[in-house]
Amino acid sequence: MAPQLRRTPLGSASRGLTVLRVHITGASGTGTSTLGKAFAEATGAQWLDLDDFYWLPTSPPFQLKRPKAERLALLVDGIRESTDVVVSGSLVEWGRQVEDGWDLIVFLTAPTPVRIGRLRARDVARYGSVNPAFLVWAERYDVPDFTGRSRVLHERWLAQRSSRILRLDAELPLPKLVGALRQASHGAA
């Protein structure tokens, strides 16, 4: 039997958060990891980045995908470790065990040139270079017939969720994004 994500009842969080389980998603370069980490730090929640589960550790990174069953089991275990958890990345096609059961899903959006500029700057700062194939893939997010991770796929996925959805403009300054998320977290039900 596949691992199940158990939804913690609202109001049981030790830090007084209404939202106990937050998923932050969007296209590459919208800042899902940046916002996830900042919101977790601001609230004392555990932060999990899906790249750490999806990819096997390699040098250079992001070369080998972890088997689906293994990454799912690791993620479920990571979520269970804490009452309050923030998960950043894309859960599309991970499995209903982790795709549902969120108190709030945050969907970040930004124009393609902004996203690509951020990705380029991030990769140069982290790795000293940019993977051109990755940038080409990331640029295609808003192309309607793109079969990879795309806006169309995300919108379809979001429409299937029963969780509350908060849409945020990723071009807003990080403190404003954290503030909007904190405010929304108190109204999630």
Protein backbone atom coordinates (compact mmCIF):
# COMPACT_ATOMS: atom_id res chain seq x y z
CA MET A 1 0.00 0.00 0.00
CA ALA A 2 1.28 3.46 -0.88
CA PRO A 3 2.12 5.87 1.97
CA GLN A 4 -0.65 8.29 2.86
CA LEU A 5 -0.34 11.95 3.80
CA ARG A 6 -2.33 12.40 7.00
CA ARG A 7 -3.94 15.80 7.32
CA THR A 8 -3.40 17.31 10.74
CA PRO A 9 -6.52 18.93 12.24
CA LEU A 10 -6.56 22.72 12.10
CA GLY A 11 -5.81 24.51 15.32
CA SER A 12 -3.39 21.92 16.68
CA ALA A 13 -0.20 23.68 15.67
CA SER A 14 2.06 24.63 18.53
CA ARG A 15 2.93 27.99 16.92
CA GLY A 16 -0.69 29.04 16.52
CA LEU A 17 -0.78 28.78 12.71
CA THR A 18 -4.12 28.11 11.10
CA VAL A 19 -2.36 26.57 8.11
CA LEU A 20 -0.40 23.50 9.03
CA ARG A 21 0.40 22.25 5.54
CA VAL A 22 1.29 24.70 2.77
CA HIS A 23 2.36 23.82 -0.76
CA ILE A 24 4.01 26.55 -2.87
CA THR A 25 4.15 25.88 -6.60
CA GLY A 26 4.69 27.63 -9.91
CA ALA A 27 7.02 27.69 -12.89
CA SER A 28 10.77 27.39 -12.49
CA GLY A 29 12.12 30.81 -11.58
CA THR A 30 9.01 32.11 -9.81
CA GLY A 31 10.67 31.72 -6.42
CA THR A 32 8.81 28.78 -4.91
CA SER A 33 11.91 27.70 -2.98
CA THR A 34 12.76 31.24 -1.91
CA LEU A 35 9.23 31.89 -0.62
CA GLY A 36 8.94 28.42 0.92
CA LYS A 37 12.15 28.84 2.89
CA ALA A 38 11.29 32.40 3.98
CA PHE A 39 7.76 31.48 5.08
CA ALA A 40 9.02 28.44 6.99
CA GLU A 41 11.63 30.57 8.75
CA ALA A 42 9.01 33.22 9.61
CA THR A 43 6.61 30.65 11.10
CA GLY A 44 8.90 27.97 12.48
CA ALA A 45 7.52 25.39 10.06
CA GLN A 46 9.63 22.68 8.45
CA TRP A 47 10.60 23.51 4.84
CA LEU A 48 10.92 20.79 2.22
CA ASP A 49 12.06 21.50 -1.34
CA LEU A 50 10.86 18.93 -3.86
CA ASP A 51 14.15 19.06 -5.79
CA ASP A 52 15.74 17.32 -2.79
CA PHE A 53 13.31 14.41 -3.23
CA TYR A 54 12.95 14.34 -7.02
CA TRP A 55 16.64 14.29 -7.91
CA LEU A 56 19.37 11.94 -6.74
CA PRO A 57 22.48 13.73 -5.43
CA THR A 58 24.91 14.15 -8.34
CA SER A 59 27.70 16.49 -9.37
CA PRO A 60 26.68 18.45 -11.31
CA PRO A 61 23.20 18.37 -9.77
CA PHE A 62 19.87 17.52 -11.42
CA GLN A 63 21.19 14.72 -13.61
CA LEU A 64 19.39 11.59 -12.31
CA LYS A 65 15.76 11.32 -11.22
CA ARG A 66 14.96 9.35 -8.09
CA PRO A 67 12.49 6.48 -8.70
CA LYS A 68 8.90 7.68 -8.18
CA ALA A 69 8.03 5.26 -5.35
CA GLU A 70 11.22 6.15 -3.49
CA ARG A 71 10.76 9.92 -3.77
CA LEU A 72 7.12 9.60 -2.71
CA ALA A 73 8.00 7.55 0.37
CA LEU A 74 10.79 9.98 1.31
CA LEU A 75 8.47 12.98 0.93
CA VAL A 76 5.69 11.40 3.00
CA ASP A 77 8.23 10.62 5.73
CA GLY A 78 9.54 14.21 5.57
CA ILE A 79 6.04 15.65 5.86
CA ARG A 80 5.22 13.43 8.83
CA GLU A 81 8.27 14.66 10.75
CA SER A 82 6.62 17.97 11.63
CA THR A 83 3.20 19.33 12.43
CA ASP A 84 3.78 22.49 10.39
CA VAL A 85 5.27 21.97 6.95
CA VAL A 86 5.88 24.06 3.83
CA VAL A 87 6.64 22.18 0.61
CA SER A 88 7.95 24.08 -2.42
CA GLY A 89 8.11 22.86 -6.01
CA SER A 90 5.66 21.07 -8.26
CA LEU A 91 3.68 18.09 -6.94
CA VAL A 92 1.97 17.49 -10.29
CA GLU A 93 1.85 13.72 -10.96
CA TRP A 94 3.49 12.77 -7.65
CA GLY A 95 0.39 10.87 -6.51
CA ARG A 96 -2.80 11.69 -4.64
CA GLN A 97 -1.09 10.78 -1.36
CA VAL A 98 0.75 14.10 -1.47
CA GLU A 99 -1.17 16.10 -4.07
CA ASP A 100 -4.19 16.49 -1.78
CA GLY A 101 -4.53 17.30 1.90
CA TRP A 102 -3.03 20.81 1.87
CA ASP A 103 -4.56 23.58 3.93
CA LEU A 104 -3.34 26.08 1.35
CA ILE A 105 -1.71 25.88 -2.08
CA VAL A 106 0.15 28.98 -3.24
CA PHE A 107 0.57 29.43 -7.00
CA LEU A 108 3.30 31.89 -7.98
CA THR A 109 3.40 33.50 -11.41
CA ALA A 110 5.92 35.72 -13.20
CA PRO A 111 6.56 36.68 -16.83
CA THR A 112 8.91 34.40 -18.74
CA PRO A 113 11.73 37.00 -19.10
CA VAL A 114 11.70 37.57 -15.32
CA ARG A 115 11.81 33.84 -14.60
CA ILE A 116 14.60 33.15 -17.09
CA GLY A 117 16.65 36.06 -15.75
CA ARG A 118 16.30 34.72 -12.23
CA LEU A 119 17.23 31.19 -13.29
CA ARG A 120 20.27 32.43 -15.20
CA ALA A 121 21.48 34.52 -12.23
CA ARG A 122 20.83 31.68 -9.76
CA ASP A 123 22.67 29.05 -11.78
CA VAL A 124 25.67 31.28 -12.44
CA ALA A 125 25.88 32.13 -8.72
CA ARG A 126 25.49 28.50 -7.60
CA TYR A 127 27.24 26.52 -10.31
CA GLY A 128 29.28 29.05 -12.31
CA SER A 129 27.38 28.33 -15.50
CA VAL A 130 23.93 27.86 -16.99
CA ASN A 131 22.50 24.72 -18.57
CA PRO A 132 21.10 26.01 -21.90
CA ALA A 133 18.77 23.01 -22.28
CA PHE A 134 17.23 23.78 -18.89
CA LEU A 135 16.58 27.40 -19.88
CA VAL A 136 14.94 26.30 -23.14
CA TRP A 137 12.73 23.90 -21.14
CA ALA A 138 11.83 26.64 -18.60
CA GLU A 139 11.02 29.14 -21.37
CA ARG A 140 8.37 26.80 -22.77
CA TYR A 141 6.25 26.87 -19.56
CA ASP A 142 3.70 29.33 -21.00
CA VAL A 143 3.51 27.67 -24.44
CA PRO A 144 0.00 26.12 -24.58
CA ASP A 145 0.99 22.91 -26.39
CA PHE A 146 4.16 22.24 -24.35
CA THR A 147 3.96 18.70 -22.97
CA GLY A 148 6.36 19.24 -20.05
CA ARG A 149 5.67 21.14 -16.84
CA SER A 150 3.54 24.00 -18.10
CA ARG A 151 1.02 26.64 -17.15
CA VAL A 152 -1.74 24.55 -18.76
CA LEU A 153 -0.73 21.51 -16.70
CA HIS A 154 -0.52 23.54 -13.48
CA GLU A 155 -3.92 25.17 -14.07
CA ARG A 156 -5.52 21.79 -14.75
CA TRP A 157 -3.89 20.37 -11.61
CA LEU A 158 -5.01 23.32 -9.47
CA ALA A 159 -8.60 22.97 -10.72
CA GLN A 160 -8.63 19.39 -9.41
CA ARG A 161 -7.56 20.31 -5.89
CA SER A 162 -10.01 20.80 -3.03
CA SER A 163 -7.47 22.92 -1.11
CA ARG A 164 -7.75 26.68 -0.96
CA ILE A 165 -5.63 28.31 -3.70
CA LEU A 166 -3.77 31.59 -3.23
CA ARG A 167 -2.38 33.15 -6.42
CA LEU A 168 0.51 35.57 -5.96
CA ASP A 169 2.55 37.72 -8.31
CA ALA A 170 6.13 36.50 -7.85
CA GLU A 171 7.48 39.92 -8.84
CA LEU A 172 6.36 41.32 -5.49
CA PRO A 173 9.16 41.81 -2.95
CA LEU A 174 9.76 38.76 -0.76
CA PRO A 175 8.58 40.45 2.48
CA LYS A 176 5.24 41.28 0.80
CA LEU A 177 4.87 37.69 -0.42
CA VAL A 178 5.59 36.33 3.06
CA GLY A 179 3.10 38.81 4.54
CA ALA A 180 0.40 37.81 2.06
CA LEU A 181 1.00 34.17 2.82
CA ARG A 182 0.92 34.78 6.59
CA GLN A 183 -2.37 36.63 6.22
CA ALA A 184 -3.88 33.91 4.04
CA SER A 185 -2.66 31.19 6.40
CA HIS A 186 -4.86 32.56 9.16
CA GLY A 187 -7.95 32.20 6.97
CA ALA A 188 -7.38 28.72 5.57
CA ALA A 189 -9.95 26.14 6.43
